[in-house]
C-alpha atoms as a PDB file:
ATOM      1  CA  MET A   1      93.991 160.621 175.210  1.00  0.00           C
ATOM      2  CA  ILE A   2      93.554 164.166 176.420  1.00  0.00           C
ATOM      3  CA  LYS A   3      96.802 165.941 177.243  1.00  0.00           C
ATOM      4  CA  LEU A   4      96.734 169.109 179.299  1.00  0.00           C
ATOM      5  CA  LYS A   5      99.470 171.687 179.744  1.00  0.00           C
ATOM      6  CA  ALA A   6     100.666 173.593 182.780  1.00  0.00           C
ATOM      7  CA  LYS A   7     103.343 176.232 183.224  1.00  0.00           C
ATOM      8  CA  THR A   8     105.543 175.371 186.165  1.00  0.00           C
ATOM      9  CA  LYS A   9     108.841 176.611 187.524  1.00  0.00           C
ATOM     10  CA  HIS A  10     110.340 173.647 185.629  1.00  0.00           C
ATOM     11  CA  GLY A  11     108.874 174.799 182.291  1.00  0.00           C
ATOM     12  CA  ASP A  12     105.799 173.822 180.288  1.00  0.00           C
ATOM     13  CA  ILE A  13     104.599 170.379 181.364  1.00  0.00           C
ATOM     14  CA  GLU A  14     102.107 168.067 179.673  1.00  0.00           C
ATOM     15  CA  TRP A  15      99.936 165.999 181.974  1.00  0.00           C
ATOM     16  CA  LYS A  16      96.770 163.919 181.822  1.00  0.00           C
ATOM     17  CA  TRP A  17      94.223 162.188 183.990  1.00  0.00           C
ATOM     18  CA  LYS A  18      94.807 158.454 184.487  1.00  0.00           C
ATOM     19  CA  ASP A  19      93.306 156.400 181.698  1.00  0.00           C
ATOM     20  CA  THR A  20      93.193 153.104 183.612  1.00  0.00           C
ATOM     21  CA  GLY A  21      90.495 151.795 185.902  1.00  0.00           C
ATOM     22  CA  HIS A  22      86.783 151.375 185.358  1.00  0.00           C
ATOM     23  CA  PRO A  23      85.683 154.022 184.774  1.00  0.00           C
ATOM     24  CA  SER A  24      89.000 155.802 184.358  1.00  0.00           C
ATOM     25  CA  ALA A  25      89.723 159.254 185.753  1.00  0.00           C
ATOM     26  CA  GLU A  26      89.970 160.515 182.168  1.00  0.00           C
ATOM     27  CA  TYR A  27      86.456 159.202 181.418  1.00  0.00           C
ATOM     28  CA  LYS A  28      85.063 160.711 184.623  1.00  0.00           C
ATOM     29  CA  SER A  29      86.630 164.088 183.861  1.00  0.00           C
ATOM     30  CA  ILE A  30      84.585 164.256 180.650  1.00  0.00           C
ATOM     31  CA  HIS A  31      81.339 162.456 181.528  1.00  0.00           C
ATOM     32  CA  HIS A  32      80.687 162.999 185.247  1.00  0.00           C
ATOM     33  CA  GLN A  33      79.418 166.431 186.245  1.00  0.00           C
ATOM     34  CA  TRP A  34      80.462 166.238 189.900  1.00  0.00           C
ATOM     35  CA  TRP A  35      83.732 164.303 189.662  1.00  0.00           C
ATOM     36  CA  ILE A  36      86.364 165.501 192.154  1.00  0.00           C
ATOM     37  CA  PRO A  37      89.818 164.225 191.174  1.00  0.00           C
ATOM     38  CA  LYS A  38      92.395 162.807 193.552  1.00  0.00           C
ATOM     39  CA  LYS A  39      96.055 163.706 193.322  1.00  0.00           C
ATOM     40  CA  SER A  40      96.816 160.113 192.362  1.00  0.00           C
ATOM     41  CA  ASP A  41      94.640 160.582 189.227  1.00  0.00           C
ATOM     42  CA  LEU A  42      97.149 163.109 187.822  1.00  0.00           C
ATOM     43  CA  GLN A  43      99.935 161.735 185.614  1.00  0.00           C
ATOM     44  CA  ILE A  44     102.872 163.663 184.188  1.00  0.00           C
ATOM     45  CA  VAL A  45     103.310 163.009 180.442  1.00  0.00           C
ATOM     46  CA  SER A  46     106.348 165.221 179.736  1.00  0.00           C
ATOM     47  CA  LYS A  47     109.796 163.829 180.338  1.00  0.00           C
ATOM     48  CA  VAL A  48     110.833 165.287 183.677  1.00  0.00           C
ATOM     49  CA  ASP A  49     113.901 164.500 185.755  1.00  0.00           C
ATOM     50  CA  ILE A  50     112.890 162.006 188.448  1.00  0.00           C
ATOM     51  CA  LEU A  51     114.216 164.417 191.090  1.00  0.00           C
ATOM     52  CA  PHE A  52     111.677 167.060 190.053  1.00  0.00           C
ATOM     53  CA  LYS A  53     108.716 164.885 189.049  1.00  0.00           C
ATOM     54  CA  GLN A  54     106.996 165.023 192.456  1.00  0.00           C
ATOM     55  CA  ASP A  55     107.648 168.792 192.713  1.00  0.00           C
ATOM     56  CA  VAL A  56     106.051 169.294 189.295  1.00  0.00           C
ATOM     57  CA  LYS A  57     103.045 167.153 190.251  1.00  0.00           C
ATOM     58  CA  ASP A  58     102.663 169.045 193.551  1.00  0.00           C
ATOM     59  CA  GLU A  59     102.849 172.397 191.769  1.00  0.00           C
ATOM     60  CA  ILE A  60     100.187 171.425 189.203  1.00  0.00           C
ATOM     61  CA  TRP A  61      97.969 169.977 191.936  1.00  0.00           C
ATOM     62  CA  ASN A  62      98.334 173.077 194.142  1.00  0.00           C
ATOM     63  CA  ASP A  63      97.473 175.330 191.192  1.00  0.00           C
ATOM     64  CA  MET A  64      94.184 173.416 190.793  1.00  0.00           C
ATOM     65  CA  GLN A  65      93.114 173.730 194.421  1.00  0.00           C
ATOM     66  CA  SER A  66      91.110 176.948 194.061  1.00  0.00           C
ATOM     67  CA  ASP A  67      89.166 175.416 191.137  1.00  0.00           C
ATOM     68  CA  LEU A  68      88.593 172.176 193.047  1.00  0.00           C
ATOM     69  CA  ASP A  69      87.461 174.072 196.151  1.00  0.00           C
ATOM     70  CA  TYR A  70      84.999 176.022 193.990  1.00  0.00           C
ATOM     71  CA  LEU A  71      83.663 172.778 192.483  1.00  0.00           C
ATOM     72  CA  LYS A  72      83.278 171.261 195.956  1.00  0.00           C
ATOM     73  CA  ASP A  73      81.378 174.354 197.163  1.00  0.00           C
ATOM     74  CA  ILE A  74      79.058 174.276 194.138  1.00  0.00           C
ATOM     75  CA  TYR A  75      78.439 170.549 194.638  1.00  0.00           C
ATOM     76  CA  LYS A  76      77.665 171.110 198.319  1.00  0.00           C
ATOM     77  CA  LEU A  77      75.191 173.861 197.387  1.00  0.00           C
ATOM     78  CA  HIS A  78      73.635 171.585 194.768  1.00  0.00           C
ATOM     79  CA  LYS A  79      73.119 168.825 197.352  1.00  0.00           C
ATOM     80  CA  GLN A  80      71.635 171.315 199.850  1.00  0.00           C
ATOM     81  CA  ASN A  81      69.206 172.622 197.240  1.00  0.00           C
ATOM     82  CA  LYS A  82      68.237 169.114 196.219  1.00  0.00           C
ATOM     83  CA  LYS A  83      67.612 168.172 199.857  1.00  0.00           C
ATOM     84  CA  LYS A  84      65.569 171.338 200.424  1.00  0.00           C
ATOM     85  CA  ILE A  85      63.388 170.628 197.388  1.00  0.00           C
ATOM     86  CA  ALA A  86      62.844 167.026 198.517  1.00  0.00           C
ATOM     87  CA  GLN A  87      61.758 168.222 201.983  1.00  0.00           C
ATOM     88  CA  GLU A  88      59.354 170.757 200.500  1.00  0.00           C
ATOM     89  CA  GLU A  89      57.722 168.072 198.352  1.00  0.00           C
ATOM     90  CA  CYS A  90      56.959 165.887 201.363  1.00  0.00           C
END
């Protein structure tokens, strides 16, 4: 299990990608080049007061948005380039 850490206003928090499902979010995060996670794939590992758990998850998720937007832009460019190459070959 891969545990990740984030600094939040509630302190240092350990979290991970879900390890259930087929394939699991954890597996996809390692083996799939273009995997875009969903918020529901994020799980808090640290013991956090139930009142703050959703706030912590939201804060971690919001901190990732610029990285996820960058990944989405790169993936979009990749698909455009692939399409362009396929059209040129025809």
